[in-house]
Amino acid sequence: SGGGLVQAGGSLRLSCEASGGFSVIHIQGWYRQAPGK
C-alpha cells in the first residue's frame, strides 16, 4: 500500500504487510518494474 501519483521532488511511503504463519524472516525488500524494462 502507499503508492500513488506525486510530483517530482515529493515523497511517498510504501508499506508491505504480511499475513500467515512463518518461523524465520531472512530477507525483506522491494523490487520495481517499469513498462518495457
Full PDB file with SEQRES, HELIX, SHEET, SSBOND, CRYST1, ORIGX, SCALE, CONECT and MASTER records, all heavy atoms in Angstrom:
SEQRES   1 A   37  SER GLY GLY GLY LEU VAL GLN ALA GLY GLY SER LEU ARG          
SEQRES   2 A   37  LEU SER CYS GLU ALA SER GLY GLY PHE SER VAL ILE HIS          
SEQRES   3 A   37  ILE GLN GLY TRP TYR ARG GLN ALA PRO GLY LYS                  
CRYST1    1.000    1.000    1.000  90.00  90.00  90.00 P 1           1          
ORIGX1      1.000000  0.000000  0.000000        0.00000                         
ORIGX2      0.000000  1.000000  0.000000        0.00000                         
ORIGX3      0.000000  0.000000  1.000000        0.00000                         
SCALE1      1.000000  0.000000  0.000000        0.00000                         
SCALE2      0.000000  1.000000  0.000000        0.00000                         
SCALE3      0.000000  0.000000  1.000000        0.00000                         
ATOM      1  N   SER A   1       0.844  -1.181   0.000  1.00  0.00           N  
ATOM      2  CA  SER A   1       0.000   0.000   0.000  1.00  0.00           C  
ATOM      3  C   SER A   1       0.887   1.242   0.000  1.00  0.00           C  
ATOM      4  O   SER A   1       2.090   1.158   0.248  1.00  0.00           O  
ATOM      5  CB  SER A   1      -0.942   0.019   1.206  1.00  0.00           C  
ATOM      6  OG  SER A   1      -0.212   0.069   2.421  1.00  0.00           O  
ATOM      7  N   GLY A   2       0.289   2.392  -0.278  1.00  0.00           N  
ATOM      8  CA  GLY A   2       1.003   3.653  -0.209  1.00  0.00           C  
ATOM      9  C   GLY A   2       1.406   4.247  -1.539  1.00  0.00           C  
ATOM     10  O   GLY A   2       1.925   5.374  -1.574  1.00  0.00           O  
ATOM     11  N   GLY A   3       1.190   3.527  -2.629  1.00  0.00           N  
ATOM     12  CA  GLY A   3       1.519   4.064  -3.930  1.00  0.00           C  
ATOM     13  C   GLY A   3       0.557   5.158  -4.347  1.00  0.00           C  
ATOM     14  O   GLY A   3      -0.483   5.374  -3.727  1.00  0.00           O  
ATOM     15  N   GLY A   4       0.925   5.864  -5.416  1.00  0.00           N  
ATOM     16  CA  GLY A   4       0.077   6.932  -5.903  1.00  0.00           C  
ATOM     17  C   GLY A   4       0.806   7.831  -6.869  1.00  0.00           C  
ATOM     18  O   GLY A   4       1.875   7.495  -7.376  1.00  0.00           O  
ATOM     19  N   LEU A   5       0.206   8.983  -7.113  1.00  0.00           N  
ATOM     20  CA  LEU A   5       0.750   9.988  -8.021  1.00  0.00           C  
ATOM     21  C   LEU A   5       1.355  11.123  -7.212  1.00  0.00           C  
ATOM     22  O   LEU A   5       0.705  11.665  -6.311  1.00  0.00           O  
ATOM     23  CB  LEU A   5      -0.349  10.517  -8.944  1.00  0.00           C  
ATOM     24  CG  LEU A   5       0.024  11.652  -9.887  1.00  0.00           C  
ATOM     25  CD1 LEU A   5       1.071  11.197 -10.889  1.00  0.00           C  
ATOM     26  CD2 LEU A   5      -1.221  12.168 -10.594  1.00  0.00           C  
ATOM     27  N   VAL A   6       2.583  11.493  -7.544  1.00  0.00           N  
ATOM     28  CA  VAL A   6       3.269  12.558  -6.825  1.00  0.00           C  
ATOM     29  C   VAL A   6       4.114  13.363  -7.806  1.00  0.00           C  
ATOM     30  O   VAL A   6       4.573  12.842  -8.825  1.00  0.00           O  
ATOM     31  CB  VAL A   6       4.147  11.977  -5.690  1.00  0.00           C  
ATOM     32  CG1 VAL A   6       5.288  11.135  -6.264  1.00  0.00           C  
ATOM     33  CG2 VAL A   6       4.683  13.075  -4.792  1.00  0.00           C  
ATOM     34  N   GLN A   7       4.311  14.630  -7.501  1.00  0.00           N  
ATOM     35  CA  GLN A   7       5.131  15.494  -8.334  1.00  0.00           C  
ATOM     36  C   GLN A   7       6.611  15.258  -8.052  1.00  0.00           C  
ATOM     37  O   GLN A   7       6.994  14.872  -6.943  1.00  0.00           O  
ATOM     38  CB  GLN A   7       4.773  16.960  -8.083  1.00  0.00           C  
ATOM     39  CG  GLN A   7       5.375  17.935  -9.073  1.00  0.00           C  
ATOM     40  CD  GLN A   7       4.850  19.346  -8.880  1.00  0.00           C  
ATOM     41  OE1 GLN A   7       3.962  19.590  -8.070  1.00  0.00           O  
ATOM     42  NE2 GLN A   7       5.397  20.281  -9.636  1.00  0.00           N  
ATOM     43  N   ALA A   8       7.439  15.466  -9.058  1.00  0.00           N  
ATOM     44  CA  ALA A   8       8.882  15.317  -8.881  1.00  0.00           C  
ATOM     45  C   ALA A   8       9.372  16.142  -7.697  1.00  0.00           C  
ATOM     46  O   ALA A   8       8.966  17.295  -7.519  1.00  0.00           O  
ATOM     47  CB  ALA A   8       9.613  15.726 -10.154  1.00  0.00           C  
ATOM     48  N   GLY A   9      10.247  15.533  -6.896  1.00  0.00           N  
ATOM     49  CA  GLY A   9      10.742  16.169  -5.694  1.00  0.00           C  
ATOM     50  C   GLY A   9       9.955  15.829  -4.447  1.00  0.00           C  
ATOM     51  O   GLY A   9      10.415  16.110  -3.333  1.00  0.00           O  
ATOM     52  N   GLY A  10       8.802  15.215  -4.614  1.00  0.00           N  
ATOM     53  CA  GLY A  10       7.964  14.850  -3.495  1.00  0.00           C  
ATOM     54  C   GLY A  10       8.358  13.531  -2.869  1.00  0.00           C  
ATOM     55  O   GLY A  10       9.375  12.925  -3.228  1.00  0.00           O  
ATOM     56  N   SER A  11       7.525  13.069  -1.928  1.00  0.00           N  
ATOM     57  CA  SER A  11       7.818  11.860  -1.170  1.00  0.00           C  
ATOM     58  C   SER A  11       6.607  10.948  -1.101  1.00  0.00           C  
ATOM     59  O   SER A  11       5.458  11.395  -1.161  1.00  0.00           O  
ATOM     60  CB  SER A  11       8.255  12.210   0.257  1.00  0.00           C  
ATOM     61  OG  SER A  11       9.434  12.985   0.274  1.00  0.00           O  
ATOM     62  N   LEU A  12       6.874   9.660  -0.972  1.00  0.00           N  
ATOM     63  CA  LEU A  12       5.867   8.645  -0.713  1.00  0.00           C  
ATOM     64  C   LEU A  12       6.446   7.621   0.238  1.00  0.00           C  
ATOM     65  O   LEU A  12       7.666   7.411   0.270  1.00  0.00           O  
ATOM     66  CB  LEU A  12       5.419   7.939  -1.992  1.00  0.00           C  
ATOM     67  CG  LEU A  12       4.496   8.679  -2.955  1.00  0.00           C  
ATOM     68  CD1 LEU A  12       4.310   7.858  -4.227  1.00  0.00           C  
ATOM     69  CD2 LEU A  12       3.150   8.963  -2.306  1.00  0.00           C  
ATOM     70  N   ARG A  13       5.564   6.961   0.984  1.00  0.00           N  
ATOM     71  CA  ARG A  13       5.980   5.885   1.878  1.00  0.00           C  
ATOM     72  C   ARG A  13       5.163   4.644   1.541  1.00  0.00           C  
ATOM     73  O   ARG A  13       3.937   4.642   1.680  1.00  0.00           O  
ATOM     74  CB  ARG A  13       5.784   6.263   3.341  1.00  0.00           C  
ATOM     75  CG  ARG A  13       6.360   5.232   4.325  1.00  0.00           C  
ATOM     76  CD  ARG A  13       6.212   5.688   5.770  1.00  0.00           C  
ATOM     77  NE  ARG A  13       6.808   4.758   6.715  1.00  0.00           N  
ATOM     78  CZ  ARG A  13       8.071   4.802   7.123  1.00  0.00           C  
ATOM     79  NH1 ARG A  13       8.892   5.754   6.671  1.00  0.00           N  
ATOM     80  NH2 ARG A  13       8.524   3.917   7.990  1.00  0.00           N  
ATOM     81  N   LEU A  14       5.846   3.595   1.095  1.00  0.00           N  
ATOM     82  CA  LEU A  14       5.213   2.330   0.780  1.00  0.00           C  
ATOM     83  C   LEU A  14       5.272   1.406   1.987  1.00  0.00           C  
ATOM     84  O   LEU A  14       6.230   1.435   2.762  1.00  0.00           O  
ATOM     85  CB  LEU A  14       5.894   1.649  -0.404  1.00  0.00           C  
ATOM     86  CG  LEU A  14       6.037   2.454  -1.698  1.00  0.00           C  
ATOM     87  CD1 LEU A  14       6.676   1.589  -2.775  1.00  0.00           C  
ATOM     88  CD2 LEU A  14       4.690   2.981  -2.154  1.00  0.00           C  
ATOM     89  N   SER A  15       4.240   0.579   2.128  1.00  0.00           N  
ATOM     90  CA  SER A  15       4.198  -0.373   3.219  1.00  0.00           C  
ATOM     91  C   SER A  15       3.781  -1.736   2.689  1.00  0.00           C  
ATOM     92  O   SER A  15       2.921  -1.832   1.807  1.00  0.00           O  
ATOM     93  CB  SER A  15       3.225   0.077   4.308  1.00  0.00           C  
ATOM     94  OG  SER A  15       3.224  -0.820   5.400  1.00  0.00           O  
ATOM     95  N   CYS A  16       4.397  -2.782   3.203  1.00  0.00           N  
ATOM     96  CA  CYS A  16       4.074  -4.154   2.836  1.00  0.00           C  
ATOM     97  C   CYS A  16       3.757  -4.918   4.106  1.00  0.00           C  
ATOM     98  O   CYS A  16       4.626  -5.071   4.977  1.00  0.00           O  
ATOM     99  CB  CYS A  16       5.246  -4.801   2.090  1.00  0.00           C  
ATOM    100  SG  CYS A  16       5.012  -6.546   1.684  1.00  0.00           S  
ATOM    101  N   GLU A  17       2.521  -5.406   4.210  1.00  0.00           N  
ATOM    102  CA  GLU A  17       2.068  -6.115   5.393  1.00  0.00           C  
ATOM    103  C   GLU A  17       1.917  -7.603   5.094  1.00  0.00           C  
ATOM    104  O   GLU A  17       1.316  -7.975   4.086  1.00  0.00           O  
ATOM    105  CB  GLU A  17       0.751  -5.548   5.893  1.00  0.00           C  
ATOM    106  CG  GLU A  17       0.263  -6.181   7.184  1.00  0.00           C  
ATOM    107  CD  GLU A  17      -0.979  -5.510   7.732  1.00  0.00           C  
ATOM    108  OE1 GLU A  17      -1.479  -4.572   7.090  1.00  0.00           O  
ATOM    109  OE2 GLU A  17      -1.444  -5.915   8.811  1.00  0.00           O  
ATOM    110  N   ALA A  18       2.436  -8.433   5.972  1.00  0.00           N  
ATOM    111  CA  ALA A  18       2.390  -9.880   5.797  1.00  0.00           C  
ATOM    112  C   ALA A  18       1.346 -10.511   6.704  1.00  0.00           C  
ATOM    113  O   ALA A  18       1.145 -10.081   7.841  1.00  0.00           O  
ATOM    114  CB  ALA A  18       3.753 -10.504   6.079  1.00  0.00           C  
ATOM    115  N   SER A  19       0.686 -11.553   6.188  1.00  0.00           N  
ATOM    116  CA  SER A  19      -0.251 -12.346   6.974  1.00  0.00           C  
ATOM    117  C   SER A  19       0.085 -13.818   6.795  1.00  0.00           C  
ATOM    118  O   SER A  19       0.635 -14.222   5.773  1.00  0.00           O  
ATOM    119  CB  SER A  19      -1.697 -12.078   6.568  1.00  0.00           C  
ATOM    120  OG  SER A  19      -1.914 -12.430   5.211  1.00  0.00           O  
ATOM    121  N   GLY A  20      -0.266 -14.615   7.781  1.00  0.00           N  
ATOM    122  CA  GLY A  20       0.056 -16.026   7.746  1.00  0.00           C  
ATOM    123  C   GLY A  20       1.222 -16.355   8.650  1.00  0.00           C  
ATOM    124  O   GLY A  20       2.022 -15.481   8.991  1.00  0.00           O  
ATOM    125  N   GLY A  21       1.314 -17.604   9.034  1.00  0.00           N  
ATOM    126  CA  GLY A  21       2.360 -18.016   9.952  1.00  0.00           C  
ATOM    127  C   GLY A  21       3.681 -18.300   9.259  1.00  0.00           C  
ATOM    128  O   GLY A  21       3.718 -18.762   8.120  1.00  0.00           O  
ATOM    129  N   PHE A  22       4.754 -18.011   9.961  1.00  0.00           N  
ATOM    130  CA  PHE A  22       6.092 -18.299   9.476  1.00  0.00           C  
ATOM    131  C   PHE A  22       7.027 -18.407  10.670  1.00  0.00           C  
ATOM    132  O   PHE A  22       6.706 -17.939  11.768  1.00  0.00           O  
ATOM    133  CB  PHE A  22       6.580 -17.233   8.485  1.00  0.00           C  
ATOM    134  CG  PHE A  22       6.438 -15.831   8.985  1.00  0.00           C  
ATOM    135  CD1 PHE A  22       7.410 -15.254   9.775  1.00  0.00           C  
ATOM    136  CD2 PHE A  22       5.319 -15.082   8.659  1.00  0.00           C  
ATOM    137  CE1 PHE A  22       7.284 -13.959  10.238  1.00  0.00           C  
ATOM    138  CE2 PHE A  22       5.174 -13.779   9.115  1.00  0.00           C  
ATOM    139  CZ  PHE A  22       6.160 -13.221   9.909  1.00  0.00           C  
ATOM    140  N   SER A  23       8.174 -18.993  10.441  1.00  0.00           N  
ATOM    141  CA  SER A  23       9.118 -19.244  11.521  1.00  0.00           C  
ATOM    142  C   SER A  23      10.244 -18.229  11.592  1.00  0.00           C  
ATOM    143  O   SER A  23      10.522 -17.682  12.656  1.00  0.00           O  
ATOM    144  CB  SER A  23       9.702 -20.654  11.387  1.00  0.00           C  
ATOM    145  OG  SER A  23       8.706 -21.648  11.480  1.00  0.00           O  
ATOM    146  N   VAL A  24      10.897 -17.986  10.450  1.00  0.00           N  
ATOM    147  CA  VAL A  24      12.082 -17.141  10.421  1.00  0.00           C  
ATOM    148  C   VAL A  24      12.033 -16.224   9.208  1.00  0.00           C  
ATOM    149  O   VAL A  24      11.737 -16.665   8.097  1.00  0.00           O  
ATOM    150  CB  VAL A  24      13.373 -17.982  10.376  1.00  0.00           C  
ATOM    151  CG1 VAL A  24      14.601 -17.079  10.358  1.00  0.00           C  
ATOM    152  CG2 VAL A  24      13.441 -18.928  11.568  1.00  0.00           C  
ATOM    153  N   ILE A  25      12.329 -14.956   9.423  1.00  0.00           N  
ATOM    154  CA  ILE A  25      12.471 -13.993   8.342  1.00  0.00           C  
ATOM    155  C   ILE A  25      13.951 -13.819   8.044  1.00  0.00           C  
ATOM    156  O   ILE A  25      14.728 -13.493   8.937  1.00  0.00           O  
ATOM    157  CB  ILE A  25      11.853 -12.639   8.706  1.00  0.00           C  
ATOM    158  CG1 ILE A  25      10.363 -12.789   9.006  1.00  0.00           C  
ATOM    159  CG2 ILE A  25      12.078 -11.630   7.580  1.00  0.00           C  
ATOM    160  CD1 ILE A  25       9.732 -11.528   9.555  1.00  0.00           C  
ATOM    161  N   HIS A  26      14.333 -14.036   6.790  1.00  0.00           N  
ATOM    162  CA  HIS A  26      15.726 -13.886   6.382  1.00  0.00           C  
ATOM    163  C   HIS A  26      15.976 -12.546   5.692  1.00  0.00           C  
ATOM    164  O   HIS A  26      16.899 -11.825   6.059  1.00  0.00           O  
ATOM    165  CB  HIS A  26      16.140 -15.023   5.454  1.00  0.00           C  
ATOM    166  CG  HIS A  26      15.954 -16.387   6.042  1.00  0.00           C  
ATOM    167  ND1 HIS A  26      16.789 -16.883   7.017  1.00  0.00           N  
ATOM    168  CD2 HIS A  26      15.030 -17.344   5.801  1.00  0.00           C  
ATOM    169  CE1 HIS A  26      16.385 -18.095   7.358  1.00  0.00           C  
ATOM    170  NE2 HIS A  26      15.325 -18.400   6.633  1.00  0.00           N  
ATOM    171  N   ILE A  27      15.168 -12.228   4.680  1.00  0.00           N  
ATOM    172  CA  ILE A  27      15.344 -11.017   3.897  1.00  0.00           C  
ATOM    173  C   ILE A  27      13.985 -10.399   3.618  1.00  0.00           C  
ATOM    174  O   ILE A  27      13.031 -11.090   3.272  1.00  0.00           O  
ATOM    175  CB  ILE A  27      16.063 -11.279   2.555  1.00  0.00           C  
ATOM    176  CG1 ILE A  27      17.371 -12.043   2.789  1.00  0.00           C  
ATOM    177  CG2 ILE A  27      16.323  -9.975   1.822  1.00  0.00           C  
ATOM    178  CD1 ILE A  27      18.029 -12.508   1.502  1.00  0.00           C  
ATOM    179  N   GLN A  28      13.901  -9.092   3.740  1.00  0.00           N  
ATOM    180  CA  GLN A  28      12.731  -8.323   3.347  1.00  0.00           C  
ATOM    181  C   GLN A  28      13.187  -7.225   2.394  1.00  0.00           C  
ATOM    182  O   GLN A  28      14.270  -6.661   2.577  1.00  0.00           O  
ATOM    183  CB  GLN A  28      12.037  -7.714   4.561  1.00  0.00           C  
ATOM    184  CG  GLN A  28      11.486  -8.745   5.534  1.00  0.00           C  
ATOM    185  CD  GLN A  28      11.273  -8.194   6.913  1.00  0.00           C  
ATOM    186  OE1 GLN A  28      12.228  -7.902   7.627  1.00  0.00           O  
ATOM    187  NE2 GLN A  28      10.000  -8.045   7.299  1.00  0.00           N  
ATOM    188  N   GLY A  29      12.374  -6.928   1.381  1.00  0.00           N  
ATOM    189  CA  GLY A  29      12.823  -5.915   0.450  1.00  0.00           C  
ATOM    190  C   GLY A  29      11.803  -5.515  -0.584  1.00  0.00           C  
ATOM    191  O   GLY A  29      10.636  -5.916  -0.534  1.00  0.00           O  
ATOM    192  N   TRP A  30      12.277  -4.717  -1.536  1.00  0.00           N  
ATOM    193  CA  TRP A  30      11.452  -4.152  -2.579  1.00  0.00           C  
ATOM    194  C   TRP A  30      12.135  -4.253  -3.935  1.00  0.00           C  
ATOM    195  O   TRP A  30      13.350  -4.009  -4.049  1.00  0.00           O  
ATOM    196  CB  TRP A  30      11.156  -2.672  -2.297  1.00  0.00           C  
ATOM    197  CG  TRP A  30      10.306  -2.442  -1.097  1.00  0.00           C  
ATOM    198  CD1 TRP A  30      10.711  -2.300   0.190  1.00  0.00           C  
ATOM    199  CD2 TRP A  30       8.880  -2.329  -1.084  1.00  0.00           C  
ATOM    200  NE1 TRP A  30       9.634  -2.103   1.013  1.00  0.00           N  
ATOM    201  CE2 TRP A  30       8.498  -2.109   0.261  1.00  0.00           C  
ATOM    202  CE3 TRP A  30       7.897  -2.384  -2.070  1.00  0.00           C  
ATOM    203  CZ2 TRP A  30       7.165  -1.956   0.636  1.00  0.00           C  
ATOM    204  CZ3 TRP A  30       6.569  -2.235  -1.700  1.00  0.00           C  
ATOM    205  CH2 TRP A  30       6.219  -2.015  -0.357  1.00  0.00           C  
ATOM    206  N   TYR A  31      11.355  -4.605  -4.951  1.00  0.00           N  
ATOM    207  CA  TYR A  31      11.753  -4.537  -6.347  1.00  0.00           C  
ATOM    208  C   TYR A  31      10.810  -3.589  -7.070  1.00  0.00           C  
ATOM    209  O   TYR A  31       9.740  -3.249  -6.558  1.00  0.00           O  
ATOM    210  CB  TYR A  31      11.687  -5.914  -7.010  1.00  0.00           C  
ATOM    211  CG  TYR A  31      12.882  -6.812  -6.774  1.00  0.00           C  
ATOM    212  CD1 TYR A  31      13.130  -7.368  -5.526  1.00  0.00           C  
ATOM    213  CD2 TYR A  31      13.752  -7.121  -7.817  1.00  0.00           C  
ATOM    214  CE1 TYR A  31      14.216  -8.198  -5.313  1.00  0.00           C  
ATOM    215  CE2 TYR A  31      14.841  -7.954  -7.612  1.00  0.00           C  
ATOM    216  CZ  TYR A  31      15.065  -8.492  -6.362  1.00  0.00           C  
ATOM    217  OH  TYR A  31      16.136  -9.317  -6.165  1.00  0.00           O  
ATOM    218  N   ARG A  32      11.200  -3.178  -8.277  1.00  0.00           N  
ATOM    219  CA  ARG A  32      10.309  -2.361  -9.092  1.00  0.00           C  
ATOM    220  C   ARG A  32      10.492  -2.723 -10.556  1.00  0.00           C  
ATOM    221  O   ARG A  32      11.544  -3.197 -10.972  1.00  0.00           O  
ATOM    222  CB  ARG A  32      10.554  -0.868  -8.881  1.00  0.00           C  
ATOM    223  CG  ARG A  32      11.905  -0.365  -9.381  1.00  0.00           C  
ATOM    224  CD  ARG A  32      12.094   1.101  -9.025  1.00  0.00           C  
ATOM    225  NE  ARG A  32      13.354   1.633  -9.527  1.00  0.00           N  
ATOM    226  CZ  ARG A  32      13.821   2.839  -9.260  1.00  0.00           C  
ATOM    227  NH1 ARG A  32      13.108   3.664  -8.483  1.00  0.00           N  
ATOM    228  NH2 ARG A  32      14.978   3.247  -9.762  1.00  0.00           N  
ATOM    229  N   GLN A  33       9.438  -2.490 -11.335  1.00  0.00           N  
ATOM    230  CA  GLN A  33       9.480  -2.772 -12.757  1.00  0.00           C  
ATOM    231  C   GLN A  33       8.663  -1.731 -13.503  1.00  0.00           C  
ATOM    232  O   GLN A  33       7.464  -1.572 -13.262  1.00  0.00           O  
ATOM    233  CB  GLN A  33       8.953  -4.176 -13.065  1.00  0.00           C  
ATOM    234  CG  GLN A  33       9.091  -4.572 -14.521  1.00  0.00           C  
ATOM    235  CD  GLN A  33       8.751  -6.027 -14.767  1.00  0.00           C  
ATOM    236  OE1 GLN A  33       8.027  -6.641 -13.986  1.00  0.00           O  
ATOM    237  NE2 GLN A  33       9.281  -6.588 -15.835  1.00  0.00           N  
ATOM    238  N   ALA A  34       9.321  -1.024 -14.417  1.00  0.00           N  
ATOM    239  CA  ALA A  34       8.670  -0.042 -15.265  1.00  0.00           C  
ATOM    240  C   ALA A  34       8.311  -0.689 -16.603  1.00  0.00           C  
ATOM    241  O   ALA A  34       8.937  -1.673 -17.010  1.00  0.00           O  
ATOM    242  CB  ALA A  34       9.583   1.160 -15.489  1.00  0.00           C  
ATOM    243  N   PRO A  35       7.314  -0.154 -17.311  1.00  0.00           N  
ATOM    244  CA  PRO A  35       6.943  -0.730 -18.608  1.00  0.00           C  
ATOM    245  C   PRO A  35       8.131  -0.803 -19.560  1.00  0.00           C  
ATOM    246  O   PRO A  35       8.863   0.177 -19.723  1.00  0.00           O  
ATOM    247  CB  PRO A  35       5.874   0.233 -19.123  1.00  0.00           C  
ATOM    248  CG  PRO A  35       5.286   0.826 -17.884  1.00  0.00           C  
ATOM    249  CD  PRO A  35       6.441   0.956 -16.929  1.00  0.00           C  
ATOM    250  N   GLY A  36       8.325  -1.963 -20.168  1.00  0.00           N  
ATOM    251  CA  GLY A  36       9.400  -2.156 -21.119  1.00  0.00           C  
ATOM    252  C   GLY A  36      10.774  -2.359 -20.510  1.00  0.00           C  
ATOM    253  O   GLY A  36      11.755  -2.455 -21.255  1.00  0.00           O  
ATOM    254  N   LYS A  37      10.859  -2.426 -19.196  1.00  0.00           N  
ATOM    255  CA  LYS A  37      12.138  -2.606 -18.530  1.00  0.00           C  
ATOM    256  C   LYS A  37      12.125  -3.847 -17.650  1.00  0.00           C  
ATOM    257  O   LYS A  37      11.073  -4.364 -17.291  1.00  0.00           O  
ATOM    258  CB  LYS A  37      12.492  -1.377 -17.687  1.00  0.00           C  
ATOM    259  CG  LYS A  37      12.698  -0.105 -18.493  1.00  0.00           C  
ATOM    260  CD  LYS A  37      13.174   1.030 -17.613  1.00  0.00           C  
ATOM    261  CE  LYS A  37      13.436   2.281 -18.420  1.00  0.00           C  
ATOM    262  NZ  LYS A  37      13.924   3.398 -17.563  1.00  0.00           N  
TER     263      LYS A  37                                                      
MASTER        0    0    0    0    0    0    0    6  262    1    0    3          
END                                                                             
